[in-house]
Amino acid sequence: MTRSDFDLDGFQRLLWGFASHRVITVAGRTGILRLLAERPVTPETAAAELGLDPLATGKVVRALAALGIADADGDTYRAAKHLAPNFLPGDHDVVPFLEHSHAMYERWGETLEPWLRGEDWPVARRTPEETARFGAAMRAMGAQMARRVAAELDLEGASRMLDVGGGWGHFAQALCAANPQLSAVVLDSPAVVKRAAIELEGSGFEDRIEFVGGDYLETAYGSGFDLVLLANILHQESADHARDLVRRAAAALAPGGRVVVVDFAIDDERRRHLLGALFAINMRSFGDTWTEPLIRGWMEEAGLVSFERTDLGPDRWILTGTRPAGD
């Protein structure tokens, strides 16, 4: 039985989470978060510089302070010190992800109840512009997660890696930065690869990261890789497809190589990890947040051994399996 410590007051605060989300994403869309990250300002100054309504801006900025996203000093406000770098342009910038999250809010509002009543949750094909925005959003959050993964993985002796569904290559860049001897192949759709090659220019990794366009469910992976990365991929697929991805990844390994899964953590009953349970809904009927026993079972079926798990905070984990050295 699951216990809840919520009283009615806590329940009401939870229900008002919709407003907190909207305040944050709109503050990102309108430039408020960037401005607060750049320097301390009054709400009146922020409204004047951004062309916003002064009364509304004051209320939104004060709400950001109540949420802990901004700090107040008299009538002046600034982004919280530990969050400010995430609202400025650069490799920590999460503002593009706020745009994506804003759009997700709209889709959930329109489709969650019809889906629950048995209707399809439509998945629209992205336009090239939408694909570019999605890539920017994933890079915004993914680049930071990639650095955390690179710090946890033992990359000694690894020289070749395959990043399956690797997007714009933020994981490949982070792992190559952590190991100067490592080179990477990133497999993703042709549209993503086209933009990824542009994004790679000037990174210093042009000679070490190769992008290959294809379908990761069908395109040949090659062989002889020391590491095959499945980062935020398995949750996008059905159980059968996820199992097959693990099998194909294992087959692409050199003896002693590892399959590395990075994904949302979820408990075996799928009801105690809040983010994992919510993200399972976001994957609708075509994907899910998969439990550790399931993923380990797929690895074992693929002939992998020496399973390891590393928790990346409360909501993410790294699961690895190794191809036997004599195989």
C-alpha atoms as a PDB file:
ATOM      1  CA  MET A   1       0.000   0.000   0.000  1.00  0.00           C
ATOM      2  CA  THR A   2       1.296   3.467  -0.904  1.00  0.00           C
ATOM      3  CA  ARG A   3       1.225   6.073   1.874  1.00  0.00           C
ATOM      4  CA  SER A   4       0.593   9.750   1.229  1.00  0.00           C
ATOM      5  CA  ASP A   5       1.560  12.529   3.615  1.00  0.00           C
ATOM      6  CA  PHE A   6      -0.616  15.081   1.843  1.00  0.00           C
ATOM      7  CA  ASP A   7      -3.221  16.938   3.863  1.00  0.00           C
ATOM      8  CA  LEU A   8      -5.793  19.115   2.137  1.00  0.00           C
ATOM      9  CA  ASP A   9      -3.464  22.134   2.141  1.00  0.00           C
ATOM     10  CA  GLY A  10      -0.691  20.129   0.493  1.00  0.00           C
ATOM     11  CA  PHE A  11      -3.167  18.739  -1.998  1.00  0.00           C
ATOM     12  CA  GLN A  12      -4.267  22.249  -2.947  1.00  0.00           C
ATOM     13  CA  ARG A  13      -0.665  23.353  -3.425  1.00  0.00           C
ATOM     14  CA  LEU A  14      -0.139  20.352  -5.698  1.00  0.00           C
ATOM     15  CA  LEU A  15      -3.167  21.332  -7.782  1.00  0.00           C
ATOM     16  CA  TRP A  16      -1.693  24.804  -8.258  1.00  0.00           C
ATOM     17  CA  GLY A  17       1.358  23.237  -9.855  1.00  0.00           C
ATOM     18  CA  PHE A  18      -0.179  24.109 -13.231  1.00  0.00           C
ATOM     19  CA  ALA A  19       0.286  27.797 -12.421  1.00  0.00           C
ATOM     20  CA  SER A  20       3.886  27.327 -11.272  1.00  0.00           C
ATOM     21  CA  HIS A  21       4.739  25.590 -14.535  1.00  0.00           C
ATOM     22  CA  ARG A  22       3.118  28.331 -16.601  1.00  0.00           C
ATOM     23  CA  VAL A  23       4.866  31.110 -14.671  1.00  0.00           C
ATOM     24  CA  ILE A  24       8.257  29.490 -15.306  1.00  0.00           C
ATOM     25  CA  THR A  25       7.783  28.738 -19.003  1.00  0.00           C
ATOM     26  CA  VAL A  26       6.253  32.129 -19.786  1.00  0.00           C
ATOM     27  CA  ALA A  27       9.043  33.863 -17.874  1.00  0.00           C
ATOM     28  CA  GLY A  28      11.427  31.985 -20.170  1.00  0.00           C
ATOM     29  CA  ARG A  29       9.484  32.787 -23.353  1.00  0.00           C
ATOM     30  CA  THR A  30       9.235  36.502 -22.586  1.00  0.00           C
ATOM     31  CA  GLY A  31      12.889  36.994 -21.611  1.00  0.00           C
ATOM     32  CA  ILE A  32      12.311  37.561 -17.890  1.00  0.00           C
ATOM     33  CA  LEU A  33      14.530  34.675 -16.793  1.00  0.00           C
ATOM     34  CA  ARG A  34      17.418  35.744 -19.037  1.00  0.00           C
ATOM     35  CA  LEU A  35      17.215  39.309 -17.781  1.00  0.00           C
ATOM     36  CA  LEU A  36      17.123  38.220 -14.127  1.00  0.00           C
ATOM     37  CA  ALA A  37      20.139  35.998 -14.786  1.00  0.00           C
ATOM     38  CA  GLU A  38      22.086  38.859 -16.349  1.00  0.00           C
ATOM     39  CA  ARG A  39      21.713  41.379 -13.536  1.00  0.00           C
ATOM     40  CA  PRO A  40      19.505  42.546 -10.663  1.00  0.00           C
ATOM     41  CA  VAL A  41      16.475  44.548 -11.837  1.00  0.00           C
ATOM     42  CA  THR A  42      13.202  45.843 -10.492  1.00  0.00           C
ATOM     43  CA  PRO A  43       9.999  44.490 -12.027  1.00  0.00           C
ATOM     44  CA  GLU A  44       9.357  47.948 -13.481  1.00  0.00           C
ATOM     45  CA  THR A  45      12.734  47.954 -15.224  1.00  0.00           C
ATOM     46  CA  ALA A  46      12.170  44.428 -16.516  1.00  0.00           C
ATOM     47  CA  ALA A  47       8.754  45.386 -17.896  1.00  0.00           C
ATOM     48  CA  ALA A  48      10.136  48.474 -19.631  1.00  0.00           C
ATOM     49  CA  GLU A  49      13.101  46.645 -21.203  1.00  0.00           C
ATOM     50  CA  LEU A  50      11.037  43.677 -22.375  1.00  0.00           C
ATOM     51  CA  GLY A  51       7.944  45.557 -23.473  1.00  0.00           C
ATOM     52  CA  LEU A  52       5.708  43.895 -20.887  1.00  0.00           C
ATOM     53  CA  ASP A  53       2.885  45.083 -18.661  1.00  0.00           C
ATOM     54  CA  PRO A  54       4.335  46.444 -15.370  1.00  0.00           C
ATOM     55  CA  LEU A  55       1.593  45.078 -13.101  1.00  0.00           C
ATOM     56  CA  ALA A  56       1.715  41.591 -14.633  1.00  0.00           C
ATOM     57  CA  THR A  57       5.522  41.559 -14.635  1.00  0.00           C
ATOM     58  CA  GLY A  58       5.651  42.428 -10.953  1.00  0.00           C
ATOM     59  CA  LYS A  59       3.312  39.585 -10.065  1.00  0.00           C
ATOM     60  CA  VAL A  60       5.220  37.075 -12.194  1.00  0.00           C
ATOM     61  CA  VAL A  61       8.612  38.119 -10.789  1.00  0.00           C
ATOM     62  CA  ARG A  62       7.337  37.886  -7.218  1.00  0.00           C
ATOM     63  CA  ALA A  63       5.928  34.435  -7.992  1.00  0.00           C
ATOM     64  CA  LEU A  64       9.379  33.410  -9.279  1.00  0.00           C
ATOM     65  CA  ALA A  65      10.777  34.504  -5.919  1.00  0.00           C
ATOM     66  CA  ALA A  66       8.121  32.494  -4.077  1.00  0.00           C
ATOM     67  CA  LEU A  67       9.108  29.457  -6.163  1.00  0.00           C
ATOM     68  CA  GLY A  68      12.784  29.907  -5.225  1.00  0.00           C
ATOM     69  CA  ILE A  69      13.798  30.695  -8.810  1.00  0.00           C
ATOM     70  CA  ALA A  70      14.570  34.353  -8.066  1.00  0.00           C
ATOM     71  CA  ASP A  71      16.065  36.086  -5.025  1.00  0.00           C
ATOM     72  CA  ALA A  72      14.865  39.452  -3.758  1.00  0.00           C
ATOM     73  CA  ASP A  73      16.907  42.322  -2.317  1.00  0.00           C
ATOM     74  CA  GLY A  74      14.432  45.038  -1.433  1.00  0.00           C
ATOM     75  CA  ASP A  75      12.643  45.960  -4.651  1.00  0.00           C
ATOM     76  CA  THR A  76      15.319  44.348  -6.813  1.00  0.00           C
ATOM     77  CA  TYR A  77      15.248  40.753  -8.066  1.00  0.00           C
ATOM     78  CA  ARG A  78      17.805  38.425  -9.582  1.00  0.00           C
ATOM     79  CA  ALA A  79      17.793  34.782 -10.640  1.00  0.00           C
ATOM     80  CA  ALA A  80      18.834  32.449  -7.833  1.00  0.00           C
ATOM     81  CA  LYS A  81      22.601  32.107  -7.933  1.00  0.00           C
ATOM     82  CA  HIS A  82      22.629  28.322  -8.433  1.00  0.00           C
ATOM     83  CA  LEU A  83      20.126  28.574 -11.314  1.00  0.00           C
ATOM     84  CA  ALA A  84      21.260  31.741 -13.097  1.00  0.00           C
ATOM     85  CA  PRO A  85      23.798  30.063 -15.464  1.00  0.00           C
ATOM     86  CA  ASN A  86      20.973  27.872 -16.778  1.00  0.00           C
ATOM     87  CA  PHE A  87      19.085  30.899 -18.076  1.00  0.00           C
ATOM     88  CA  LEU A  88      21.976  32.395 -20.049  1.00  0.00           C
ATOM     89  CA  PRO A  89      23.162  31.447 -23.573  1.00  0.00           C
ATOM     90  CA  GLY A  90      25.770  28.696 -23.552  1.00  0.00           C
ATOM     91  CA  ASP A  91      26.071  25.008 -22.872  1.00  0.00           C
ATOM     92  CA  HIS A  92      24.027  25.238 -19.642  1.00  0.00           C
ATOM     93  CA  ASP A  93      21.106  27.082 -21.240  1.00  0.00           C
ATOM     94  CA  VAL A  94      17.724  25.435 -20.511  1.00  0.00           C
ATOM     95  CA  VAL A  95      15.531  28.209 -21.914  1.00  0.00           C
ATOM     96  CA  PRO A  96      14.965  26.314 -25.206  1.00  0.00           C
ATOM     97  CA  PHE A  97      13.685  23.389 -23.133  1.00  0.00           C
ATOM     98  CA  LEU A  98      11.181  25.710 -21.446  1.00  0.00           C
ATOM     99  CA  GLU A  99       9.697  26.380 -24.878  1.00  0.00           C
ATOM    100  CA  HIS A 100       9.352  22.621 -25.388  1.00  0.00           C
ATOM    101  CA  SER A 101       7.828  22.175 -21.928  1.00  0.00           C
ATOM    102  CA  HIS A 102       5.354  24.983 -22.656  1.00  0.00           C
ATOM    103  CA  ALA A 103       4.183  23.137 -25.767  1.00  0.00           C
ATOM    104  CA  MET A 104       3.929  19.850 -23.828  1.00  0.00           C
ATOM    105  CA  TYR A 105       1.586  21.569 -21.373  1.00  0.00           C
ATOM    106  CA  GLU A 106      -0.726  22.438 -24.260  1.00  0.00           C
ATOM    107  CA  ARG A 107      -0.691  18.907 -25.653  1.00  0.00           C
ATOM    108  CA  TRP A 108      -1.395  17.287 -22.296  1.00  0.00           C
ATOM    109  CA  GLY A 109      -4.337  19.631 -21.720  1.00  0.00           C
ATOM    110  CA  GLU A 110      -5.835  18.766 -25.095  1.00  0.00           C
ATOM    111  CA  THR A 111      -5.222  15.023 -25.212  1.00  0.00           C
ATOM    112  CA  LEU A 112      -4.798  13.393 -21.783  1.00  0.00           C
ATOM    113  CA  GLU A 113      -8.495  12.998 -20.993  1.00  0.00           C
ATOM    114  CA  PRO A 114      -9.525  11.839 -24.498  1.00  0.00           C
ATOM    115  CA  TRP A 115      -6.650   9.309 -24.392  1.00  0.00           C
ATOM    116  CA  LEU A 116      -7.823   8.092 -20.990  1.00  0.00           C
ATOM    117  CA  ARG A 117     -11.293   7.605 -22.473  1.00  0.00           C
ATOM    118  CA  GLY A 118      -9.918   5.414 -25.239  1.00  0.00           C
ATOM    119  CA  GLU A 119      -9.136   7.872 -28.023  1.00  0.00           C
ATOM    120  CA  ASP A 120      -5.787   8.099 -29.769  1.00  0.00           C
ATOM    121  CA  TRP A 121      -3.195  10.544 -28.453  1.00  0.00           C
ATOM    122  CA  PRO A 122      -2.100  11.936 -31.817  1.00  0.00           C
ATOM    123  CA  VAL A 123       1.588  12.192 -32.618  1.00  0.00           C
ATOM    124  CA  ALA A 124       2.068  14.833 -35.300  1.00  0.00           C
ATOM    125  CA  ARG A 125       5.020  14.645 -37.670  1.00  0.00           C
ATOM    126  CA  ARG A 126       7.425  17.484 -36.887  1.00  0.00           C
ATOM    127  CA  THR A 127       8.200  20.127 -39.480  1.00  0.00           C
ATOM    128  CA  PRO A 128      11.899  20.921 -40.057  1.00  0.00           C
ATOM    129  CA  GLU A 129      11.490  23.991 -37.840  1.00  0.00           C
ATOM    130  CA  GLU A 130       9.891  21.931 -35.085  1.00  0.00           C
ATOM    131  CA  THR A 131      12.645  19.323 -35.405  1.00  0.00           C
ATOM    132  CA  ALA A 132      15.227  22.076 -34.923  1.00  0.00           C
ATOM    133  CA  ARG A 133      13.390  23.411 -31.857  1.00  0.00           C
ATOM    134  CA  PHE A 134      13.102  19.909 -30.397  1.00  0.00           C
ATOM    135  CA  GLY A 135      16.822  19.327 -30.965  1.00  0.00           C
ATOM    136  CA  ALA A 136      17.643  22.582 -29.193  1.00  0.00           C
ATOM    137  CA  ALA A 137      15.399  21.613 -26.287  1.00  0.00           C
ATOM    138  CA  MET A 138      16.990  18.190 -25.924  1.00  0.00           C
ATOM    139  CA  ARG A 139      20.470  19.686 -26.132  1.00  0.00           C
ATOM    140  CA  ALA A 140      19.556  22.235 -23.454  1.00  0.00           C
ATOM    141  CA  MET A 141      18.835  19.566 -20.858  1.00  0.00           C
ATOM    142  CA  GLY A 142      20.740  16.671 -22.414  1.00  0.00           C
ATOM    143  CA  ALA A 143      24.123  18.394 -22.450  1.00  0.00           C
ATOM    144  CA  GLN A 144      24.038  18.786 -18.695  1.00  0.00           C
ATOM    145  CA  MET A 145      22.908  15.200 -18.149  1.00  0.00           C
ATOM    146  CA  ALA A 146      25.620  14.055 -20.570  1.00  0.00           C
ATOM    147  CA  ARG A 147      28.331  15.699 -18.474  1.00  0.00           C
ATOM    148  CA  ARG A 148      26.999  13.940 -15.369  1.00  0.00           C
ATOM    149  CA  VAL A 149      27.045  10.608 -17.186  1.00  0.00           C
ATOM    150  CA  ALA A 150      30.578  11.208 -18.465  1.00  0.00           C
ATOM    151  CA  ALA A 151      31.728  11.937 -14.919  1.00  0.00           C
ATOM    152  CA  GLU A 152      30.275   8.629 -13.658  1.00  0.00           C
ATOM    153  CA  LEU A 153      31.343   6.252 -16.442  1.00  0.00           C
ATOM    154  CA  ASP A 154      34.719   4.554 -16.423  1.00  0.00           C
ATOM    155  CA  LEU A 155      35.943   5.298 -19.954  1.00  0.00           C
ATOM    156  CA  GLU A 156      39.497   4.051 -19.531  1.00  0.00           C
ATOM    157  CA  GLY A 157      40.556   1.948 -22.498  1.00  0.00           C
ATOM    158  CA  ALA A 158      37.505   2.852 -24.596  1.00  0.00           C
ATOM    159  CA  SER A 159      38.376   4.062 -28.080  1.00  0.00           C
ATOM    160  CA  ARG A 160      35.171   3.648 -30.132  1.00  0.00           C
ATOM    161  CA  MET A 161      31.582   4.343 -29.140  1.00  0.00           C
ATOM    162  CA  LEU A 162      28.226   4.249 -30.901  1.00  0.00           C
ATOM    163  CA  ASP A 163      25.540   6.675 -29.721  1.00  0.00           C
ATOM    164  CA  VAL A 164      22.171   5.294 -30.856  1.00  0.00           C
ATOM    165  CA  GLY A 165      19.612   8.054 -31.438  1.00  0.00           C
ATOM    166  CA  GLY A 166      22.235  10.528 -30.247  1.00  0.00           C
ATOM    167  CA  GLY A 167      20.591  13.699 -31.556  1.00  0.00           C
ATOM    168  CA  TRP A 168      22.971  16.603 -31.970  1.00  0.00           C
ATOM    169  CA  GLY A 169      25.769  14.678 -30.266  1.00  0.00           C
ATOM    170  CA  HIS A 170      25.744  16.208 -26.792  1.00  0.00           C
ATOM    171  CA  PHE A 171      26.432  12.827 -25.142  1.00  0.00           C
ATOM    172  CA  ALA A 172      29.125  12.001 -27.699  1.00  0.00           C
ATOM    173  CA  GLN A 173      30.822  15.343 -27.062  1.00  0.00           C
ATOM    174  CA  ALA A 174      30.697  14.934 -23.274  1.00  0.00           C
ATOM    175  CA  LEU A 175      32.183  11.432 -23.376  1.00  0.00           C
ATOM    176  CA  CYS A 176      34.834  12.413 -25.924  1.00  0.00           C
ATOM    177  CA  ALA A 177      35.760  15.377 -23.728  1.00  0.00           C
ATOM    178  CA  ALA A 178      36.167  13.014 -20.773  1.00  0.00           C
ATOM    179  CA  ASN A 179      38.400  10.612 -22.756  1.00  0.00           C
ATOM    180  CA  PRO A 180      40.725  12.151 -25.385  1.00  0.00           C
ATOM    181  CA  GLN A 181      41.274   8.677 -26.912  1.00  0.00           C
ATOM    182  CA  LEU A 182      37.576   8.170 -27.654  1.00  0.00           C
ATOM    183  CA  SER A 183      35.873   8.662 -31.023  1.00  0.00           C
ATOM    184  CA  ALA A 184      32.137   8.366 -31.626  1.00  0.00           C
ATOM    185  CA  VAL A 185      29.590   7.445 -34.258  1.00  0.00           C
ATOM    186  CA  VAL A 186      26.180   9.072 -33.721  1.00  0.00           C
ATOM    187  CA  LEU A 187      23.203   7.443 -35.434  1.00  0.00           C
ATOM    188  CA  ASP A 188      19.996   9.427 -35.854  1.00  0.00           C
ATOM    189  CA  SER A 189      17.462  10.385 -38.498  1.00  0.00           C
ATOM    190  CA  PRO A 190      18.766  12.162 -41.618  1.00  0.00           C
ATOM    191  CA  ALA A 191      16.990  15.409 -40.652  1.00  0.00           C
ATOM    192  CA  VAL A 192      18.593  15.421 -37.212  1.00  0.00           C
ATOM    193  CA  VAL A 193      22.016  14.480 -38.588  1.00  0.00           C
ATOM    194  CA  LYS A 194      21.913  17.352 -41.073  1.00  0.00           C
ATOM    195  CA  ARG A 195      21.442  19.890 -38.285  1.00  0.00           C
ATOM    196  CA  ALA A 196      23.828  18.054 -35.951  1.00  0.00           C
ATOM    197  CA  ALA A 197      26.712  18.410 -38.400  1.00  0.00           C
ATOM    198  CA  ILE A 198      26.170  22.174 -38.395  1.00  0.00           C
ATOM    199  CA  GLU A 199      26.040  22.289 -34.596  1.00  0.00           C
ATOM    200  CA  LEU A 200      29.294  20.321 -34.361  1.00  0.00           C
ATOM    201  CA  GLU A 201      31.249  22.955 -36.298  1.00  0.00           C
ATOM    202  CA  GLY A 202      33.693  24.783 -34.051  1.00  0.00           C
ATOM    203  CA  SER A 203      33.306  22.292 -31.202  1.00  0.00           C
ATOM    204  CA  GLY A 204      36.787  20.826 -31.595  1.00  0.00           C
ATOM    205  CA  PHE A 205      35.317  17.349 -32.063  1.00  0.00           C
ATOM    206  CA  GLU A 206      34.847  17.467 -35.834  1.00  0.00           C
ATOM    207  CA  ASP A 207      37.520  14.806 -36.383  1.00  0.00           C
ATOM    208  CA  ARG A 208      36.321  12.541 -33.585  1.00  0.00           C
ATOM    209  CA  ILE A 209      32.530  12.449 -34.022  1.00  0.00           C
ATOM    210  CA  GLU A 210      30.858  11.066 -37.144  1.00  0.00           C
ATOM    211  CA  PHE A 211      27.128  11.404 -37.798  1.00  0.00           C
ATOM    212  CA  VAL A 212      25.245   8.694 -39.678  1.00  0.00           C
ATOM    213  CA  GLY A 213      21.689   9.183 -40.897  1.00  0.00           C
ATOM    214  CA  GLY A 214      19.302   6.264 -40.566  1.00  0.00           C
ATOM    215  CA  ASP A 215      16.621   4.483 -38.561  1.00  0.00           C
ATOM    216  CA  TYR A 216      18.015   3.050 -35.346  1.00  0.00           C
ATOM    217  CA  LEU A 217      15.493   0.206 -35.509  1.00  0.00           C
ATOM    218  CA  GLU A 218      16.724  -0.900 -38.946  1.00  0.00           C
ATOM    219  CA  THR A 219      20.073   0.656 -39.921  1.00  0.00           C
ATOM    220  CA  ALA A 220      23.102  -1.596 -39.402  1.00  0.00           C
ATOM    221  CA  TYR A 221      25.127  -0.568 -36.353  1.00  0.00           C
ATOM    222  CA  GLY A 222      28.470  -1.991 -37.379  1.00  0.00           C
ATOM    223  CA  SER A 223      30.670  -3.805 -34.875  1.00  0.00           C
ATOM    224  CA  GLY A 224      33.723  -3.553 -32.664  1.00  0.00           C
ATOM    225  CA  PHE A 225      32.512  -0.758 -30.393  1.00  0.00           C
ATOM    226  CA  ASP A 226      33.823  -0.487 -26.841  1.00  0.00           C
ATOM    227  CA  LEU A 227      30.646   1.246 -25.758  1.00  0.00           C
ATOM    228  CA  VAL A 228      27.150   1.483 -27.225  1.00  0.00           C
ATOM    229  CA  LEU A 229      25.031   4.208 -25.645  1.00  0.00           C
ATOM    230  CA  LEU A 230      21.232   4.096 -25.432  1.00  0.00           C
ATOM    231  CA  ALA A 231      20.542   7.462 -23.784  1.00  0.00           C
ATOM    232  CA  ASN A 232      16.879   8.422 -23.415  1.00  0.00           C
ATOM    233  CA  ILE A 233      15.975   5.993 -26.209  1.00  0.00           C
ATOM    234  CA  LEU A 234      14.354   2.924 -24.657  1.00  0.00           C
ATOM    235  CA  HIS A 235      11.487   4.921 -23.167  1.00  0.00           C
ATOM    236  CA  GLN A 236      10.459   5.980 -26.680  1.00  0.00           C
ATOM    237  CA  GLU A 237       9.804   2.403 -27.761  1.00  0.00           C
ATOM    238  CA  SER A 238       7.522  -0.535 -27.064  1.00  0.00           C
ATOM    239  CA  ALA A 239       8.866  -3.411 -24.979  1.00  0.00           C
ATOM    240  CA  ASP A 240       9.550  -5.454 -28.115  1.00  0.00           C
ATOM    241  CA  HIS A 241      11.430  -2.619 -29.811  1.00  0.00           C
ATOM    242  CA  ALA A 242      13.345  -1.762 -26.627  1.00  0.00           C
ATOM    243  CA  ARG A 243      14.416  -5.387 -26.234  1.00  0.00           C
ATOM    244  CA  ASP A 244      15.543  -5.440 -29.850  1.00  0.00           C
ATOM    245  CA  LEU A 245      17.527  -2.232 -29.416  1.00  0.00           C
ATOM    246  CA  VAL A 246      19.400  -3.777 -26.492  1.00  0.00           C
ATOM    247  CA  ARG A 247      20.039  -6.924 -28.561  1.00  0.00           C
ATOM    248  CA  ARG A 248      21.337  -4.913 -31.532  1.00  0.00           C
ATOM    249  CA  ALA A 249      23.502  -2.772 -29.256  1.00  0.00           C
ATOM    250  CA  ALA A 250      25.037  -5.861 -27.637  1.00  0.00           C
ATOM    251  CA  ALA A 251      25.776  -7.403 -31.035  1.00  0.00           C
ATOM    252  CA  ALA A 252      27.712  -4.261 -32.031  1.00  0.00           C
ATOM    253  CA  LEU A 253      30.131  -4.547 -29.105  1.00  0.00           C
ATOM    254  CA  ALA A 254      33.712  -5.693 -29.145  1.00  0.00           C
ATOM    255  CA  PRO A 255      34.495  -8.379 -26.540  1.00  0.00           C
ATOM    256  CA  GLY A 256      34.595  -6.658 -23.165  1.00  0.00           C
ATOM    257  CA  GLY A 257      32.524  -3.736 -24.456  1.00  0.00           C
ATOM    258  CA  ARG A 258      29.500  -2.323 -22.638  1.00  0.00           C
ATOM    259  CA  VAL A 259      25.942  -1.355 -23.430  1.00  0.00           C
ATOM    260  CA  VAL A 260      25.105   1.774 -21.431  1.00  0.00           C
ATOM    261  CA  VAL A 261      21.459   2.696 -20.857  1.00  0.00           C
ATOM    262  CA  VAL A 262      20.672   6.174 -19.517  1.00  0.00           C
ATOM    263  CA  ASP A 263      17.026   6.785 -18.724  1.00  0.00           C
ATOM    264  CA  PHE A 264      14.378   7.768 -16.209  1.00  0.00           C
ATOM    265  CA  ALA A 265      14.436   5.757 -13.000  1.00  0.00           C
ATOM    266  CA  ILE A 266      11.285   3.862 -12.095  1.00  0.00           C
ATOM    267  CA  ASP A 267      10.595   1.499  -9.204  1.00  0.00           C
ATOM    268  CA  ASP A 268       9.513  -2.050  -9.902  1.00  0.00           C
ATOM    269  CA  GLU A 269       5.851  -1.265  -9.125  1.00  0.00           C
ATOM    270  CA  ARG A 270       6.042   1.959 -11.209  1.00  0.00           C
ATOM    271  CA  ARG A 271       4.341   4.116  -8.589  1.00  0.00           C
ATOM    272  CA  ARG A 272       6.986   5.588  -6.267  1.00  0.00           C
ATOM    273  CA  HIS A 273       9.152   7.594  -8.706  1.00  0.00           C
ATOM    274  CA  LEU A 274       7.009  10.620  -9.534  1.00  0.00           C
ATOM    275  CA  LEU A 275       8.920  11.808 -12.595  1.00  0.00           C
ATOM    276  CA  GLY A 276       9.185   8.281 -13.960  1.00  0.00           C
ATOM    277  CA  ALA A 277       5.457   7.693 -13.468  1.00  0.00           C
ATOM    278  CA  LEU A 278       4.537  11.004 -15.116  1.00  0.00           C
ATOM    279  CA  PHE A 279       6.917  10.437 -18.008  1.00  0.00           C
ATOM    280  CA  ALA A 280       5.328   7.051 -18.622  1.00  0.00           C
ATOM    281  CA  ILE A 281       2.117   8.953 -19.439  1.00  0.00           C
ATOM    282  CA  ASN A 282       4.052  11.228 -21.781  1.00  0.00           C
ATOM    283  CA  MET A 283       5.097   8.131 -23.742  1.00  0.00           C
ATOM    284  CA  ARG A 284       1.405   7.294 -24.192  1.00  0.00           C
ATOM    285  CA  SER A 285       0.849   3.876 -25.775  1.00  0.00           C
ATOM    286  CA  PHE A 286       4.066   3.603 -27.805  1.00  0.00           C
ATOM    287  CA  GLY A 287       6.686   3.740 -25.037  1.00  0.00           C
ATOM    288  CA  ASP A 288       7.183   3.577 -21.273  1.00  0.00           C
ATOM    289  CA  THR A 289       9.623   4.045 -18.425  1.00  0.00           C
ATOM    290  CA  TRP A 290      11.119   0.571 -18.136  1.00  0.00           C
ATOM    291  CA  THR A 291      12.086  -1.002 -14.823  1.00  0.00           C
ATOM    292  CA  GLU A 292      15.562  -2.195 -13.925  1.00  0.00           C
ATOM    293  CA  PRO A 293      14.576  -5.913 -13.913  1.00  0.00           C
ATOM    294  CA  LEU A 294      13.138  -5.567 -17.425  1.00  0.00           C
ATOM    295  CA  ILE A 295      16.214  -3.824 -18.824  1.00  0.00           C
ATOM    296  CA  ARG A 296      18.574  -6.262 -17.103  1.00  0.00           C
ATOM    297  CA  GLY A 297      16.507  -9.131 -18.483  1.00  0.00           C
ATOM    298  CA  TRP A 298      16.906  -7.770 -22.010  1.00  0.00           C
ATOM    299  CA  MET A 299      20.639  -7.410 -21.439  1.00  0.00           C
ATOM    300  CA  GLU A 300      20.882 -10.971 -20.172  1.00  0.00           C
ATOM    301  CA  GLU A 301      18.934 -12.261 -23.199  1.00  0.00           C
ATOM    302  CA  ALA A 302      21.450 -10.410 -25.394  1.00  0.00           C
ATOM    303  CA  GLY A 303      24.341 -12.265 -23.745  1.00  0.00           C
ATOM    304  CA  LEU A 304      25.564  -9.449 -21.506  1.00  0.00           C
ATOM    305  CA  VAL A 305      26.925  -9.970 -17.990  1.00  0.00           C
ATOM    306  CA  SER A 306      28.308  -7.911 -15.067  1.00  0.00           C
ATOM    307  CA  PHE A 307      25.303  -5.628 -14.709  1.00  0.00           C
ATOM    308  CA  GLU A 308      25.797  -2.356 -12.868  1.00  0.00           C
ATOM    309  CA  ARG A 309      23.518   0.507 -11.856  1.00  0.00           C
ATOM    310  CA  THR A 310      24.466   4.088 -11.002  1.00  0.00           C
ATOM    311  CA  ASP A 311      21.832   6.506  -9.728  1.00  0.00           C
ATOM    312  CA  LEU A 312      22.012  10.042 -11.121  1.00  0.00           C
ATOM    313  CA  GLY A 313      19.973  11.691  -8.407  1.00  0.00           C
ATOM    314  CA  PRO A 314      16.426  10.514  -7.643  1.00  0.00           C
ATOM    315  CA  ASP A 315      15.066  10.512 -11.195  1.00  0.00           C
ATOM    316  CA  ARG A 316      17.715   9.082 -13.566  1.00  0.00           C
ATOM    317  CA  TRP A 317      20.011   6.115 -13.676  1.00  0.00           C
ATOM    318  CA  ILE A 318      22.744   4.448 -15.701  1.00  0.00           C
ATOM    319  CA  LEU A 319      22.356   0.705 -16.307  1.00  0.00           C
ATOM    320  CA  THR A 320      25.238  -1.160 -17.920  1.00  0.00           C
ATOM    321  CA  GLY A 321      25.895  -4.674 -19.148  1.00  0.00           C
ATOM    322  CA  THR A 322      29.173  -6.073 -20.504  1.00  0.00           C
ATOM    323  CA  ARG A 323      29.888  -8.462 -23.361  1.00  0.00           C
ATOM    324  CA  PRO A 324      32.108 -11.261 -22.022  1.00  0.00           C
ATOM    325  CA  ALA A 325      35.768 -10.731 -22.913  1.00  0.00           C
ATOM    326  CA  GLY A 326      36.057 -14.137 -24.514  1.00  0.00           C
ATOM    327  CA  ASP A 327      32.892 -13.830 -26.558  1.00  0.00           C
END
